[in-house]
Amino acid sequence: MNTTQKIAVITGAGAGVGRAAADEFARHGYDVALLSRDADRLTRAAAQIEAGFGVRALAIPTDVADSKAVDAAASRVEETLGPIDVWVNVAMATAFAPVSALTAEEIERGTRVTYLGQVHGMMAALSRMRKRNRGTIVNVGSALAYRSVPLQSVYCGAKFAIRGFTDSLRSEIIHDKLKVHLTMVELPAINTPQFDWAMNKMGKRARPVAPIFQPEVAARAIFFAATHRRREVWLGFSTVKAILANRVAPALIDRYLARAGYTGQVTDEPLRRDESGNLFDPVPGDYGAHGRFDGEARRHSWEMFTDRHRTLFWGLAGIGAVSLLRAAVKRRS
């Protein structure tokens, strides 16, 4: 076992942002452990990473909603690759539907994967990092962890919960004087397979709200968060505007989203598959990091804001609120 090699664990690594993040860490010389549910897709991803980057890649089929499975995966990583240096929580499952169309079981399942999946990852990582008094945990959030939108109550609720849990744990880590770094990355809309395989009860195909970024942009932000001492990273000016404008004018945004929040997330195309999607079982297929929006997704973002830019944040908050107010006035006139 090479005890000097850095090890990163990525949940949700079979596709989407998790798949891109696994590539990004491998590109920087990390051995990577890939966790997600679909064994075939995960095995293919691991083989591609080993062939492409010359590092070790360990595929561990895991449902992050199962705390024991996550802990067992962490043990296998350390037995096979070595001590975990970075743990990245990406895995998620959600539904595009109004609350009135959801069942309690569907909400619970989405919450267990998206929220408790990150909690399970934090617990598994911290229990091992605490003993060595080192390591980094990266939780992947969203602008929707600060500003909810209609049709995504399951996802938004889970992301809010992750932020709350993360802040509590961070204070405990500081209290215990641990040299374990806990950070969170808030993402904008990303071009991933999520919009093709998430549960969808709208009868039409889902889409992200523009501007859309490629998953490699998110992966670079995640790697930055893992290797720099930042409390939180906000990726993309759209994320910054959504978060800060909501602090200034939340009621205005409520009304705006009531009018525009449906059409902005649903296309005119009929669904091409069963509406249940991947909420309870993985959807088979050779999916990768990208979704179907390559034609409009941006490959770069010049804006990456952290807690070290607080003065600028509040200036942008004012700008965002003014922009929203102007837009609202124009629509009414």
Protein backbone atom coordinates (compact mmCIF):
# COMPACT_ATOMS: atom_id res chain seq x y z
CA MET A 1 0.00 0.00 0.00
CA ASN A 2 1.30 3.43 -0.96
CA THR A 3 0.74 5.43 2.23
CA THR A 4 1.97 8.68 0.66
CA GLN A 5 -0.64 8.75 -2.12
CA LYS A 6 -3.61 11.05 -1.51
CA ILE A 7 -7.03 9.40 -1.49
CA ALA A 8 -10.36 10.98 -2.39
CA VAL A 9 -13.82 9.43 -2.01
CA ILE A 10 -16.60 10.71 -4.29
CA THR A 11 -20.24 9.75 -3.76
CA GLY A 12 -22.59 9.90 -6.73
CA ALA A 13 -19.53 9.19 -8.87
CA GLY A 14 -21.27 7.13 -11.53
CA ALA A 15 -22.50 10.16 -13.48
CA GLY A 16 -23.04 13.91 -13.39
CA VAL A 17 -21.04 16.18 -11.10
CA GLY A 18 -19.73 13.22 -9.11
CA ARG A 19 -18.30 11.63 -12.26
CA ALA A 20 -16.64 14.90 -13.28
CA ALA A 21 -15.27 15.38 -9.75
CA ALA A 22 -13.71 11.91 -9.80
CA ASP A 23 -11.91 12.84 -13.03
CA GLU A 24 -10.76 16.15 -11.56
CA PHE A 25 -9.19 14.59 -8.48
CA ALA A 26 -7.60 11.86 -10.60
CA ARG A 27 -6.20 14.53 -12.92
CA HIS A 28 -4.41 16.01 -9.90
CA GLY A 29 -2.90 12.66 -8.96
CA TYR A 30 -5.37 11.43 -6.33
CA ASP A 31 -6.39 7.80 -6.11
CA VAL A 32 -10.18 7.83 -6.11
CA ALA A 33 -12.92 5.68 -4.65
CA LEU A 34 -16.22 5.91 -6.54
CA LEU A 35 -19.51 5.34 -4.74
CA SER A 36 -22.95 5.12 -6.36
CA ARG A 37 -25.69 2.55 -6.91
CA ASP A 38 -25.24 1.32 -10.50
CA ALA A 39 -22.42 -1.24 -10.40
CA ASP A 40 -21.89 -1.47 -14.17
CA ARG A 41 -21.68 2.28 -14.68
CA LEU A 42 -19.38 2.65 -11.70
CA THR A 43 -17.06 -0.11 -12.91
CA ARG A 44 -16.80 1.51 -16.35
CA ALA A 45 -16.02 4.87 -14.77
CA ALA A 46 -13.27 3.38 -12.60
CA ALA A 47 -11.68 1.64 -15.58
CA GLN A 48 -11.73 4.86 -17.63
CA ILE A 49 -10.11 6.82 -14.80
CA GLU A 50 -7.33 4.28 -14.31
CA ALA A 51 -6.63 4.16 -18.05
CA GLY A 52 -6.84 7.91 -18.52
CA PHE A 53 -4.99 9.23 -15.47
CA GLY A 54 -2.77 6.39 -14.27
CA VAL A 55 -4.14 6.37 -10.72
CA ARG A 56 -5.98 3.71 -8.77
CA ALA A 57 -9.77 3.85 -8.96
CA LEU A 58 -11.92 1.72 -6.68
CA ALA A 59 -15.59 1.17 -7.58
CA ILE A 60 -17.83 0.43 -4.59
CA PRO A 61 -21.55 0.09 -5.41
CA THR A 62 -23.26 1.87 -2.52
CA ASP A 63 -26.66 3.31 -1.70
CA VAL A 64 -25.75 6.34 0.41
CA ALA A 65 -29.18 6.23 2.05
CA ASP A 66 -27.87 3.16 3.92
CA SER A 67 -25.57 4.38 6.71
CA LYS A 68 -24.05 0.95 7.29
CA ALA A 69 -23.24 0.56 3.61
CA VAL A 70 -21.51 3.96 3.56
CA ASP A 71 -19.45 3.13 6.62
CA ALA A 72 -18.52 -0.27 5.15
CA ALA A 73 -17.46 1.48 1.94
CA ALA A 74 -15.22 3.84 3.92
CA SER A 75 -13.57 0.86 5.62
CA ARG A 76 -12.99 -0.84 2.27
CA VAL A 77 -11.40 2.32 0.86
CA GLU A 78 -8.92 2.54 3.72
CA GLU A 79 -8.14 -1.16 3.57
CA THR A 80 -7.60 -1.09 -0.21
CA LEU A 81 -6.28 2.37 -1.07
CA GLY A 82 -5.19 3.91 2.22
CA PRO A 83 -6.29 6.67 4.63
CA ILE A 84 -8.97 8.97 3.22
CA ASP A 85 -7.72 12.53 2.70
CA VAL A 86 -10.82 14.03 1.04
CA TRP A 87 -14.44 12.93 1.13
CA VAL A 88 -16.82 14.60 -1.35
CA ASN A 89 -20.59 14.23 -0.90
CA VAL A 90 -22.36 14.61 -4.25
CA ALA A 91 -25.00 11.85 -4.50
CA MET A 92 -28.59 13.00 -4.87
CA ALA A 93 -32.03 11.83 -5.99
CA THR A 94 -35.04 14.04 -6.49
CA ALA A 95 -38.41 14.56 -8.13
CA PHE A 96 -39.82 17.22 -10.44
CA ALA A 97 -43.38 17.59 -9.17
CA PRO A 98 -45.63 19.86 -7.11
CA VAL A 99 -45.95 18.79 -3.48
CA SER A 100 -49.60 17.86 -4.08
CA ALA A 101 -48.48 15.14 -6.55
CA LEU A 102 -45.86 13.56 -4.28
CA THR A 103 -46.28 10.70 -1.83
CA ALA A 104 -44.74 10.58 1.62
CA GLU A 105 -42.59 7.64 0.49
CA GLU A 106 -41.19 9.60 -2.43
CA ILE A 107 -40.33 12.58 -0.26
CA GLU A 108 -38.72 10.32 2.33
CA ARG A 109 -36.63 8.51 -0.27
CA GLY A 110 -35.38 11.72 -1.85
CA THR A 111 -34.53 13.10 1.58
CA ARG A 112 -32.71 9.94 2.62
CA VAL A 113 -30.50 9.98 -0.47
CA THR A 114 -29.84 13.70 -0.84
CA TYR A 115 -29.76 14.80 2.80
CA LEU A 116 -29.02 11.73 4.89
CA GLY A 117 -26.65 10.47 2.21
CA GLN A 118 -24.42 13.48 2.90
CA VAL A 119 -24.86 13.06 6.67
CA HIS A 120 -23.79 9.42 6.38
CA GLY A 121 -20.76 10.48 4.34
CA MET A 122 -19.78 13.13 6.88
CA MET A 123 -20.06 10.67 9.74
CA ALA A 124 -18.07 7.95 7.98
CA ALA A 125 -15.32 10.37 6.97
CA LEU A 126 -15.12 12.24 10.26
CA SER A 127 -14.87 9.10 12.38
CA ARG A 128 -11.70 8.18 10.52
CA MET A 129 -10.26 11.68 10.06
CA ARG A 130 -10.74 12.45 13.76
CA LYS A 131 -8.32 9.69 14.71
CA ARG A 132 -5.62 11.12 12.43
CA ASN A 133 -6.59 14.76 13.12
CA ARG A 134 -6.52 15.66 9.43
CA GLY A 135 -8.66 15.52 6.30
CA THR A 136 -11.24 17.48 4.33
CA ILE A 137 -14.96 16.94 3.81
CA VAL A 138 -16.66 18.72 0.90
CA ASN A 139 -20.45 18.89 0.82
CA VAL A 140 -21.98 19.79 -2.53
CA GLY A 141 -24.95 22.10 -2.22
CA SER A 142 -26.78 24.45 -4.52
CA ALA A 143 -28.11 27.96 -4.86
CA LEU A 144 -31.35 26.15 -3.99
CA ALA A 145 -29.95 25.57 -0.49
CA TYR A 146 -30.69 29.27 0.04
CA ARG A 147 -33.55 30.02 -2.36
CA SER A 148 -36.16 27.33 -2.98
CA VAL A 149 -38.05 27.01 -6.25
CA PRO A 150 -41.37 25.33 -7.10
CA LEU A 151 -41.44 21.73 -8.37
CA GLN A 152 -38.23 20.88 -6.48
CA SER A 153 -39.39 20.78 -2.87
CA VAL A 154 -37.65 17.46 -2.17
CA TYR A 155 -34.30 18.67 -3.48
CA CYS A 156 -34.53 22.15 -1.96
CA GLY A 157 -35.56 20.82 1.45
CA ALA A 158 -32.65 18.38 1.46
CA LYS A 159 -30.12 21.02 0.43
CA PHE A 160 -31.33 23.41 3.13
CA ALA A 161 -30.96 20.58 5.65
CA ILE A 162 -27.42 19.80 4.50
CA ARG A 163 -26.42 23.41 5.04
CA GLY A 164 -27.85 23.39 8.56
CA PHE A 165 -26.15 20.12 9.50
CA THR A 166 -22.86 21.32 8.00
CA ASP A 167 -22.87 24.53 10.02
CA SER A 168 -23.56 22.64 13.26
CA LEU A 169 -20.80 20.13 12.60
CA ARG A 170 -18.33 22.88 11.69
CA SER A 171 -18.80 24.53 15.09
CA GLU A 172 -18.24 21.18 16.80
CA ILE A 173 -15.03 20.63 14.83
CA ILE A 174 -13.80 24.07 15.89
CA HIS A 175 -14.76 23.36 19.52
CA ASP A 176 -12.80 20.10 19.47
CA LYS A 177 -9.80 21.87 17.89
CA LEU A 178 -9.65 19.34 15.07
CA LYS A 179 -7.55 19.92 11.97
CA VAL A 180 -10.36 18.59 9.82
CA HIS A 181 -11.68 21.04 7.25
CA LEU A 182 -15.40 21.09 6.43
CA THR A 183 -16.56 23.12 3.45
CA MET A 184 -19.61 23.46 1.20
CA VAL A 185 -19.88 24.29 -2.50
CA GLU A 186 -23.09 25.94 -3.73
CA LEU A 187 -23.64 25.20 -7.43
CA PRO A 188 -25.68 26.84 -10.20
CA ALA A 189 -27.58 24.85 -12.83
CA ILE A 190 -25.36 22.07 -14.17
CA ASN A 191 -25.69 20.01 -17.36
CA THR A 192 -26.04 16.51 -15.89
CA PRO A 193 -28.25 13.45 -16.58
CA GLN A 194 -30.39 14.47 -13.58
CA PHE A 195 -32.89 16.13 -15.91
CA ASP A 196 -33.37 12.90 -17.87
CA TRP A 197 -33.56 10.36 -15.08
CA ALA A 198 -35.04 12.12 -12.03
CA MET A 199 -38.61 11.24 -11.09
CA ASN A 200 -40.87 13.52 -13.13
CA LYS A 201 -44.61 13.92 -12.65
CA MET A 202 -45.00 16.93 -14.93
CA GLY A 203 -45.62 14.96 -18.13
CA LYS A 204 -42.90 16.96 -19.91
CA ARG A 205 -39.12 16.69 -19.88
CA ALA A 206 -37.36 18.74 -17.24
CA ARG A 207 -34.56 21.25 -17.84
CA PRO A 208 -32.24 23.39 -15.69
CA VAL A 209 -32.83 27.12 -15.44
CA ALA A 210 -30.25 29.06 -17.48
CA PRO A 211 -27.42 29.85 -17.28
CA ILE A 212 -26.23 26.26 -17.37
CA PHE A 213 -22.64 25.15 -16.70
CA GLN A 214 -20.80 21.99 -17.65
CA PRO A 215 -20.10 19.53 -14.82
CA GLU A 216 -16.34 20.09 -15.21
CA VAL A 217 -16.85 23.66 -13.98
CA ALA A 218 -18.47 22.31 -10.83
CA ALA A 219 -15.70 19.73 -10.46
CA ARG A 220 -13.03 22.43 -10.52
CA ALA A 221 -14.88 24.36 -7.81
CA ILE A 222 -15.12 21.20 -5.68
CA PHE A 223 -11.39 20.55 -6.04
CA PHE A 224 -10.67 24.19 -5.15
CA ALA A 225 -12.81 23.86 -2.02
CA ALA A 226 -11.01 20.66 -1.06
CA THR A 227 -7.55 22.22 -1.37
CA HIS A 228 -8.14 25.72 0.01
CA ARG A 229 -9.29 26.83 3.44
CA ARG A 230 -12.70 28.23 2.57
CA ARG A 231 -15.83 27.96 4.65
CA GLU A 232 -18.06 28.05 1.59
CA VAL A 233 -17.73 28.50 -2.17
CA TRP A 234 -20.47 29.97 -4.39
CA LEU A 235 -20.00 29.09 -8.04
CA GLY A 236 -21.34 31.33 -10.80
CA PHE A 237 -22.85 34.80 -10.69
CA SER A 238 -26.33 33.26 -11.00
CA THR A 239 -25.77 31.53 -7.67
CA VAL A 240 -24.56 34.73 -6.05
CA LYS A 241 -27.56 36.71 -7.33
CA ALA A 242 -30.07 34.06 -6.22
CA ILE A 243 -28.66 33.83 -2.70
CA LEU A 244 -28.14 37.51 -2.05
CA ALA A 245 -31.26 38.83 -3.77
CA ASN A 246 -33.32 36.40 -1.68
CA ARG A 247 -31.89 37.99 1.45
CA VAL A 248 -33.00 41.41 0.29
CA ALA A 249 -36.38 40.72 -1.36
CA PRO A 250 -37.66 37.18 -0.63
CA ALA A 251 -41.35 38.02 -1.03
CA LEU A 252 -40.72 39.51 -4.46
CA ILE A 253 -38.89 36.36 -5.53
CA ASP A 254 -41.76 34.21 -4.18
CA ARG A 255 -44.16 35.96 -6.53
CA TYR A 256 -41.74 35.91 -9.44
CA LEU A 257 -41.22 32.15 -9.10
CA ALA A 258 -44.95 31.55 -8.78
CA ARG A 259 -45.26 33.01 -12.29
CA ALA A 260 -42.06 31.85 -13.97
CA GLY A 261 -40.83 28.92 -11.89
CA TYR A 262 -42.86 26.29 -13.73
CA THR A 263 -42.20 27.16 -17.37
CA GLY A 264 -38.51 27.74 -16.66
CA GLN A 265 -38.02 24.14 -15.51
CA VAL A 266 -40.20 22.18 -17.94
CA THR A 267 -39.88 21.90 -21.73
CA ASP A 268 -42.61 21.22 -24.30
CA GLU A 269 -41.17 17.76 -24.99
CA PRO A 270 -43.15 14.76 -23.67
CA LEU A 271 -41.44 12.34 -21.32
CA ARG A 272 -39.75 9.41 -23.03
CA ARG A 273 -39.70 7.03 -20.09
CA ASP A 274 -41.58 5.98 -16.97
CA GLU A 275 -42.04 8.88 -14.56
CA SER A 276 -40.52 7.01 -11.58
CA GLY A 277 -36.98 7.71 -12.83
CA ASN A 278 -34.08 6.79 -10.56
CA LEU A 279 -35.58 7.71 -7.20
CA PHE A 280 -35.89 4.15 -5.91
CA ASP A 281 -33.73 2.24 -8.39
CA PRO A 282 -30.89 3.36 -10.68
CA VAL A 283 -31.72 3.95 -14.33
CA PRO A 284 -29.60 1.66 -16.55
CA GLY A 285 -27.56 3.09 -19.38
CA ASP A 286 -24.16 4.42 -20.28
CA TYR A 287 -24.58 7.84 -18.73
CA GLY A 288 -21.57 10.04 -18.05
CA ALA A 289 -20.93 13.43 -16.55
CA HIS A 290 -22.92 15.39 -19.15
CA GLY A 291 -26.62 15.69 -19.76
CA ARG A 292 -28.35 16.72 -22.98
CA PHE A 293 -27.59 20.45 -22.78
CA ASP A 294 -24.07 20.54 -24.23
CA GLY A 295 -25.21 23.04 -26.85
CA GLU A 296 -25.93 25.76 -24.29
CA ALA A 297 -23.83 24.84 -21.26
CA ARG A 298 -20.89 27.06 -20.37
CA ARG A 299 -17.44 25.54 -20.01
CA HIS A 300 -16.06 28.25 -17.75
CA SER A 301 -17.20 30.47 -14.91
CA TRP A 302 -15.12 33.49 -14.00
CA GLU A 303 -17.11 33.98 -10.81
CA MET A 304 -16.24 31.88 -7.77
CA PHE A 305 -17.14 33.68 -4.57
CA THR A 306 -16.07 32.60 -1.10
CA ASP A 307 -16.52 33.82 2.45
CA ARG A 308 -13.47 36.04 1.92
CA HIS A 309 -15.49 38.39 -0.31
CA ARG A 310 -18.14 39.55 2.17
CA THR A 311 -17.95 43.26 1.36
CA LEU A 312 -18.49 42.56 -2.31
CA PHE A 313 -21.32 40.15 -1.48
CA TRP A 314 -23.50 42.85 0.01
CA GLY A 315 -22.86 45.19 -2.89
CA LEU A 316 -24.00 42.46 -5.26
CA ALA A 317 -27.05 41.81 -3.10
CA GLY A 318 -28.19 45.35 -3.71
CA ILE A 319 -27.53 45.04 -7.43
CA GLY A 320 -29.49 41.78 -7.61
CA ALA A 321 -32.46 43.22 -5.73
CA VAL A 322 -32.58 46.29 -7.95
CA SER A 323 -32.44 44.11 -11.08
CA LEU A 324 -35.35 42.01 -9.86
CA LEU A 325 -37.40 45.06 -8.96
CA ARG A 326 -36.80 46.60 -12.38
CA ALA A 327 -37.80 43.36 -14.09
CA ALA A 328 -40.96 43.17 -12.02
CA VAL A 329 -41.91 46.73 -12.86
CA LYS A 330 -41.37 46.13 -16.60
CA ARG A 331 -43.57 43.01 -16.53
CA ARG A 332 -46.39 44.85 -14.77
CA SER A 333 -46.22 47.79 -17.16
